[in-house]
Amino acid sequence: MIRYSSVVLFSDDVPALRDFYRDLFDLTIALDLGGLVTFDCALSIWETAGVRAQVYDGLDPSPVERPRCELYFETDALEAFVGGLPNDVRLVHPVRTAPWEQRVVRFYDPDGNLVEVGEAMDAVARRLAADGLSPEEIAARTRMPPAFVTAALEGGSARGGARS
C-alpha cells in the first residue's frame, strides 16, 4: 500500500522557512534535524544542498529539472511498487539507500513534478533490527529519535515525523 506523506519544500535557508511556516500557521515541529524539518501536518523542509547530494548525486540539475519541492509517499513494499512503475516513467534515480538507511526511488510525473517513494521509516527500523542492530544502533544510523525507534520496533505507528 502506498501512503501520501507530505510535500517537501527545498530551501537554501531552512531555519528561515521553518520559522516562517511555524510562526505564520502556528505549526508544530515534529522533527528538526537542522537540514530537514518535518511539521506534524504533511509539510517538510529540506536543505537544497542535501537535495543536490541525495537526489542528483551532487550535480546541479538544469533549471527545468530543478523543482522547488517533491511529493513524498511511503510504502512498506518498495520493490513491488517499483516493479509496477510504467515503462515510460522517467526515473531521476533507481532505488538507492540514503545515508539514514531509507531506500527510495525518485521520478518525474507527466508534468515534470518530482515524486519520491520511500520505505516508511518504521519499516526501516524493523529491517535494521532484523539485520541484528540494537535500538541504539538503529537510532544512530537512521538519525531517528530513540523513542521513534522503540515505537517502531514495538509495532506501534511511529510515522508522524519520520521523513527522509
Protein backbone atom coordinates (compact mmCIF):
# COMPACT_ATOMS: atom_id res chain seq x y z
CA MET A 1 0.00 0.00 0.00
CA ILE A 2 1.24 3.49 -0.84
CA ARG A 3 0.52 6.34 1.58
CA TYR A 4 0.80 10.02 0.74
CA SER A 5 3.09 11.52 3.34
CA SER A 6 3.95 15.14 2.61
CA VAL A 7 5.05 17.94 0.36
CA VAL A 8 8.74 18.62 0.84
CA LEU A 9 9.86 22.19 0.15
CA PHE A 10 13.51 22.67 -0.86
CA SER A 11 15.21 25.65 0.74
CA ASP A 12 18.59 27.36 0.86
CA ASP A 13 17.62 28.76 4.28
CA VAL A 14 15.84 26.04 6.25
CA PRO A 15 15.72 27.97 9.58
CA ALA A 16 14.06 30.98 7.93
CA LEU A 17 11.49 28.85 6.09
CA ARG A 18 10.89 26.74 9.23
CA ASP A 19 10.24 29.85 11.30
CA PHE A 20 8.02 31.34 8.59
CA TYR A 21 5.68 28.32 8.42
CA ARG A 22 5.82 27.62 12.16
CA ASP A 23 5.01 31.20 13.13
CA LEU A 24 2.56 32.15 10.38
CA PHE A 25 0.46 28.98 10.59
CA ASP A 26 1.18 28.05 14.23
CA LEU A 27 2.60 24.68 13.12
CA THR A 28 4.18 22.18 15.47
CA ILE A 29 7.60 20.83 14.57
CA ALA A 30 7.61 17.03 14.75
CA LEU A 31 11.30 16.59 13.88
CA ASP A 32 14.12 19.09 13.38
CA LEU A 33 17.42 17.67 12.13
CA GLY A 34 18.82 21.02 11.04
CA GLY A 35 18.87 20.38 7.30
CA LEU A 36 15.48 18.67 7.44
CA VAL A 37 12.42 19.85 9.32
CA THR A 38 9.13 17.95 9.47
CA PHE A 39 5.95 19.51 10.78
CA ASP A 40 3.04 17.46 12.13
CA CYS A 41 0.84 18.36 9.13
CA ALA A 42 2.30 16.74 5.99
CA LEU A 43 4.80 19.53 5.32
CA SER A 44 8.58 19.17 5.41
CA ILE A 45 11.51 21.42 4.50
CA TRP A 46 14.79 20.00 3.17
CA GLU A 47 18.03 21.89 2.66
CA THR A 48 18.82 22.39 -1.04
CA ALA A 49 22.41 21.15 -0.59
CA GLY A 50 21.03 17.86 0.76
CA VAL A 51 18.66 17.60 -2.18
CA ARG A 52 21.52 18.12 -4.62
CA ALA A 53 23.64 15.48 -2.85
CA GLN A 54 20.91 12.85 -2.36
CA VAL A 55 18.71 13.34 -5.41
CA TYR A 56 21.13 14.49 -8.11
CA ASP A 57 24.40 12.88 -6.99
CA GLY A 58 25.93 16.30 -6.33
CA LEU A 59 25.21 17.62 -9.82
CA ASP A 60 23.44 20.91 -10.34
CA PRO A 61 20.39 19.99 -12.45
CA SER A 62 19.21 22.20 -15.26
CA PRO A 63 16.54 24.80 -14.39
CA VAL A 64 13.87 22.60 -15.99
CA GLU A 65 14.90 19.70 -13.74
CA ARG A 66 15.25 21.82 -10.61
CA PRO A 67 11.89 21.58 -8.87
CA ARG A 68 11.35 23.54 -5.65
CA CYS A 69 9.53 20.68 -3.95
CA GLU A 70 8.71 17.00 -4.19
CA LEU A 71 5.66 14.90 -3.47
CA TYR A 72 6.64 12.28 -0.92
CA PHE A 73 4.97 8.90 -0.49
CA GLU A 74 5.82 5.96 1.78
CA THR A 75 5.36 2.25 1.36
CA ASP A 76 6.24 -0.96 3.16
CA ALA A 77 6.62 -2.71 -0.24
CA LEU A 78 9.09 -0.62 -2.24
CA GLU A 79 10.20 -3.38 -4.62
CA ALA A 80 6.61 -4.23 -5.55
CA PHE A 81 5.87 -0.56 -6.18
CA VAL A 82 8.95 -0.07 -8.36
CA GLY A 83 8.18 -3.27 -10.26
CA GLY A 84 4.77 -1.84 -11.13
CA LEU A 85 6.02 1.50 -12.46
CA PRO A 86 5.04 2.09 -16.10
CA ASN A 87 7.93 1.73 -18.55
CA ASP A 88 7.63 5.34 -19.68
CA VAL A 89 8.21 6.84 -16.22
CA ARG A 90 11.35 8.98 -16.27
CA LEU A 91 13.48 7.99 -13.28
CA VAL A 92 15.67 10.52 -11.50
CA HIS A 93 17.46 7.53 -9.99
CA PRO A 94 16.70 3.86 -9.33
CA VAL A 95 16.20 2.55 -5.80
CA ARG A 96 19.06 3.69 -3.60
CA THR A 97 19.79 3.74 0.10
CA ALA A 98 20.11 7.14 1.72
CA PRO A 99 22.72 7.79 4.43
CA TRP A 100 19.93 7.34 7.03
CA GLU A 101 19.28 3.80 5.66
CA GLN A 102 15.95 4.53 3.96
CA ARG A 103 15.57 3.02 0.49
CA VAL A 104 13.95 5.41 -2.01
CA VAL A 105 13.21 5.88 -5.70
CA ARG A 106 12.58 9.23 -7.38
CA PHE A 107 10.96 10.00 -10.71
CA TYR A 108 9.09 12.73 -12.56
CA ASP A 109 5.34 12.69 -13.07
CA PRO A 110 3.97 13.50 -16.56
CA ASP A 111 4.02 17.25 -15.74
CA GLY A 112 7.63 17.15 -14.53
CA ASN A 113 6.90 17.24 -10.80
CA LEU A 114 9.41 15.38 -8.65
CA VAL A 115 7.96 12.34 -6.85
CA GLU A 116 9.71 10.29 -4.18
CA VAL A 117 8.53 6.93 -2.89
CA GLY A 118 10.46 5.64 0.10
CA GLU A 119 10.35 2.94 2.69
CA ALA A 120 8.41 4.03 5.74
CA MET A 121 10.95 4.81 8.45
CA ASP A 122 9.29 2.44 10.91
CA ALA A 123 9.81 -0.32 8.31
CA VAL A 124 13.46 0.77 8.02
CA ALA A 125 13.85 0.39 11.80
CA ARG A 126 12.32 -3.10 11.71
CA ARG A 127 14.53 -4.11 8.75
CA LEU A 128 17.67 -2.98 10.59
CA ALA A 129 16.57 -4.80 13.75
CA ALA A 130 16.08 -7.97 11.68
CA ASP A 131 19.66 -7.46 10.46
CA GLY A 132 20.79 -7.60 14.10
CA LEU A 133 21.18 -3.93 15.01
CA SER A 134 20.27 -2.77 18.51
CA PRO A 135 17.73 0.05 19.02
CA GLU A 136 20.61 2.39 19.89
CA GLU A 137 22.47 1.48 16.69
CA ILE A 138 19.29 1.94 14.66
CA ALA A 139 18.70 5.40 16.15
CA ALA A 140 22.27 6.41 15.33
CA ARG A 141 22.21 5.06 11.76
CA THR A 142 18.74 6.38 10.86
CA ARG A 143 19.08 9.69 12.76
CA MET A 144 15.67 9.00 14.29
CA PRO A 145 14.95 9.74 17.96
CA PRO A 146 15.24 6.69 20.24
CA ALA A 147 11.52 6.97 21.14
CA PHE A 148 10.63 6.69 17.44
CA VAL A 149 12.79 3.57 17.06
CA THR A 150 11.28 1.98 20.18
CA ALA A 151 7.73 2.62 18.94
CA ALA A 152 8.57 1.20 15.51
CA LEU A 153 10.10 -1.95 16.97
CA GLU A 154 7.14 -2.44 19.30
CA GLY A 155 4.85 -2.42 16.30
CA GLY A 156 3.21 0.91 17.00
CA SER A 157 2.79 3.53 14.34
CA ALA A 158 5.76 5.84 14.54
CA ARG A 159 5.10 7.52 11.21
CA GLY A 160 4.48 11.02 12.49
CA GLY A 161 7.70 12.96 11.96
CA ALA A 162 9.51 10.24 10.07
CA ARG A 163 10.80 11.74 6.85
CA SER A 164 13.82 11.32 4.62
